[in-house]
Amino acid sequence: MNSQVAPRPIFRPAPAIDPKAREFNAKLRSKLRGAGLRPTRQRMALGALLFASGDRHVTAEKLHAEAKQARPPISLATIYNALNQFTAVGLLREIALQGSRTWYDTNTGPHYHFLVENEDDLVDIPPEAIGVLGLPSPPDGMEIIGADLIVRVRKIDQPK
């Protein structure tokens, strides 16, 4: 009689997913599909970083630093592509400042921003805090699609 027992395959159950995380992932998947984007692993990972904790402003570089912790890691080129795709379908608002500096805003509704000098940060100004009395008429054949206002601020104790 052979006393050797055939090795059993190792079975590891899938980790339990928090119901809130499952609900968030389902909503994110639906949001991406609703915008016409396939919910790939990278888009889902970036979407989780962008949309999980309310409105925020990120640069591609800042998002790349956060995404370095993601599994699988996401390249900077993939992040730029995803940010441009998210912007093109209206999931993000692009705010280009200071020549080559671009932020991406998860709040796509009408609002304005403080630019915090020397901290590389944007902070929302509530829409009711600033009233725009009137805009000029656009040139012939053009229509106004939006107006951006950036108020530059710095901490009082910082040198000028």
Protein backbone atom coordinates (compact mmCIF):
# COMPACT_ATOMS: atom_id res chain seq x y z
CA MET A 1 0.00 0.00 0.00
CA ASN A 2 1.38 3.34 -1.02
CA SER A 3 1.32 5.80 1.85
CA GLN A 4 2.13 8.79 -0.29
CA VAL A 5 -0.73 11.19 -0.80
CA ALA A 6 -0.96 13.16 -4.00
CA PRO A 7 -0.25 16.83 -3.33
CA ARG A 8 -3.33 18.94 -3.22
CA PRO A 9 -3.48 21.97 -5.44
CA ILE A 10 -3.03 25.17 -3.51
CA PHE A 11 -6.32 26.98 -3.28
CA ARG A 12 -6.36 30.56 -2.23
CA PRO A 13 -9.75 32.20 -2.10
CA ALA A 14 -10.06 35.57 -3.73
CA PRO A 15 -9.66 38.37 -1.22
CA ALA A 16 -12.94 39.71 0.08
CA ILE A 17 -13.84 43.00 -1.55
CA ASP A 18 -15.34 45.66 0.64
CA PRO A 19 -18.96 46.26 -0.48
CA LYS A 20 -18.26 50.00 -0.79
CA ALA A 21 -15.24 49.32 -3.00
CA ARG A 22 -17.33 46.95 -5.11
CA GLU A 23 -20.05 49.60 -5.48
CA PHE A 24 -17.46 52.27 -6.36
CA ASN A 25 -15.88 50.00 -8.98
CA ALA A 26 -19.30 49.27 -10.51
CA LYS A 27 -20.09 53.00 -10.68
CA LEU A 28 -16.68 53.78 -12.16
CA ARG A 29 -17.05 51.02 -14.75
CA SER A 30 -20.48 52.44 -15.66
CA LYS A 31 -19.10 55.99 -15.79
CA LEU A 32 -16.34 54.96 -18.20
CA ARG A 33 -18.71 52.95 -20.40
CA GLY A 34 -21.24 55.79 -20.36
CA ALA A 35 -18.52 58.09 -21.67
CA GLY A 36 -17.69 55.62 -24.44
CA LEU A 37 -14.47 54.30 -22.87
CA ARG A 38 -13.63 50.67 -22.24
CA PRO A 39 -12.96 50.12 -18.52
CA THR A 40 -9.46 48.67 -18.90
CA ARG A 41 -7.38 47.78 -15.85
CA GLN A 42 -5.30 50.95 -16.25
CA ARG A 43 -8.33 53.23 -16.72
CA MET A 44 -10.00 51.67 -13.69
CA ALA A 45 -6.85 52.15 -11.59
CA LEU A 46 -6.49 55.78 -12.69
CA GLY A 47 -10.22 56.39 -12.31
CA ALA A 48 -10.02 55.12 -8.74
CA LEU A 49 -7.15 57.52 -8.00
CA LEU A 50 -8.97 60.43 -9.65
CA PHE A 51 -12.58 59.98 -8.56
CA ALA A 52 -12.52 58.07 -5.25
CA SER A 53 -12.09 61.01 -2.90
CA GLY A 54 -14.12 63.90 -4.25
CA ASP A 55 -13.04 66.80 -6.40
CA ARG A 56 -9.32 67.22 -6.95
CA HIS A 57 -6.73 68.77 -9.22
CA VAL A 58 -3.80 66.71 -10.46
CA THR A 59 -0.98 67.00 -12.92
CA ALA A 60 0.10 63.99 -14.94
CA GLU A 61 3.30 63.84 -12.91
CA LYS A 62 1.44 63.90 -9.59
CA LEU A 63 -0.92 61.16 -10.77
CA HIS A 64 2.07 59.14 -12.01
CA ALA A 65 3.67 59.36 -8.56
CA GLU A 66 0.43 58.06 -7.01
CA ALA A 67 0.06 55.36 -9.66
CA LYS A 68 3.55 53.98 -8.99
CA GLN A 69 1.91 52.13 -6.11
CA ALA A 70 -0.73 50.61 -8.40
CA ARG A 71 -0.55 47.04 -9.60
CA PRO A 72 0.38 46.84 -12.38
CA PRO A 73 2.45 50.04 -12.43
CA ILE A 74 1.28 52.53 -15.04
CA SER A 75 3.67 54.40 -17.32
CA LEU A 76 3.64 58.19 -17.61
CA ALA A 77 2.73 57.88 -21.31
CA THR A 78 -0.33 55.77 -20.41
CA ILE A 79 -1.33 58.35 -17.81
CA TYR A 80 -1.11 61.19 -20.35
CA ASN A 81 -3.17 59.14 -22.81
CA ALA A 82 -5.83 58.35 -20.21
CA LEU A 83 -6.00 61.97 -18.98
CA ASN A 84 -6.45 63.19 -22.55
CA GLN A 85 -9.14 60.54 -23.19
CA PHE A 86 -10.95 61.37 -19.93
CA THR A 87 -10.83 65.08 -20.88
CA ALA A 88 -12.04 64.46 -24.44
CA VAL A 89 -15.17 62.66 -23.18
CA GLY A 90 -15.92 65.23 -20.45
CA LEU A 91 -14.85 63.29 -17.35
CA LEU A 92 -12.09 65.81 -16.59
CA ARG A 93 -11.51 69.50 -17.19
CA GLU A 94 -8.09 70.53 -18.45
CA ILE A 95 -6.55 73.69 -17.00
CA ALA A 96 -3.38 74.79 -18.78
CA LEU A 97 -1.30 77.44 -17.01
CA GLN A 98 2.21 78.78 -16.88
CA GLY A 99 3.20 77.71 -20.36
CA SER A 100 3.63 73.98 -20.10
CA ARG A 101 1.89 73.31 -16.77
CA THR A 102 -1.44 71.47 -17.05
CA TRP A 103 -3.79 70.38 -14.29
CA TYR A 104 -6.76 68.06 -14.64
CA ASP A 105 -9.85 68.83 -12.57
CA THR A 106 -12.41 66.20 -11.62
CA ASN A 107 -15.00 68.96 -11.10
CA THR A 108 -16.15 69.71 -14.63
CA GLY A 109 -18.88 72.15 -13.58
CA PRO A 110 -18.49 75.92 -13.81
CA HIS A 111 -16.11 77.25 -11.16
CA TYR A 112 -12.88 79.20 -10.81
CA HIS A 113 -9.52 78.58 -9.15
CA PHE A 114 -6.89 79.96 -6.82
CA LEU A 115 -3.37 79.13 -7.98
CA VAL A 116 -1.21 78.81 -4.87
CA GLU A 117 2.18 80.17 -5.92
CA ASN A 118 5.28 78.20 -4.89
CA GLU A 119 3.12 75.20 -3.95
CA ASP A 120 2.04 74.11 -7.40
CA ASP A 121 -1.56 73.71 -6.27
CA LEU A 122 -5.00 74.73 -7.48
CA VAL A 123 -7.89 75.31 -5.07
CA ASP A 124 -11.51 75.68 -6.15
CA ILE A 125 -13.29 78.99 -5.73
CA PRO A 126 -17.01 78.34 -5.19
CA PRO A 127 -19.02 79.50 -8.23
CA GLU A 128 -21.18 81.79 -6.09
CA ALA A 129 -18.10 83.63 -4.77
CA ILE A 130 -17.46 85.38 -8.09
CA GLY A 131 -20.06 86.93 -10.33
CA VAL A 132 -19.28 87.53 -13.98
CA LEU A 133 -21.29 90.55 -15.05
CA GLY A 134 -20.92 90.06 -18.74
CA LEU A 135 -18.71 88.64 -21.41
CA PRO A 136 -17.83 90.34 -24.66
CA SER A 137 -19.57 89.20 -27.80
CA PRO A 138 -17.50 86.58 -29.58
CA PRO A 139 -16.07 87.25 -33.03
CA ASP A 140 -18.31 86.45 -36.00
CA GLY A 141 -18.75 82.75 -36.52
CA MET A 142 -17.65 81.90 -32.96
CA GLU A 143 -19.45 80.97 -29.77
CA ILE A 144 -18.33 81.25 -26.15
CA ILE A 145 -17.92 77.80 -24.62
CA GLY A 146 -16.59 78.80 -21.22
CA ALA A 147 -14.61 81.31 -19.21
CA ASP A 148 -11.73 80.55 -16.87
CA LEU A 149 -10.52 82.74 -14.04
CA ILE A 150 -7.36 82.01 -12.10
CA VAL A 151 -6.64 84.07 -8.98
CA ARG A 152 -2.98 83.82 -7.99
CA VAL A 153 -2.32 83.68 -4.24
CA ARG A 154 0.63 83.02 -1.95
CA LYS A 155 0.98 82.49 1.76
CA ILE A 156 1.43 85.74 3.63
CA ASP A 157 4.76 84.69 5.17
CA GLN A 158 6.35 83.87 1.78
CA PRO A 159 8.71 86.37 0.13
CA LYS A 160 7.44 88.25 -2.89
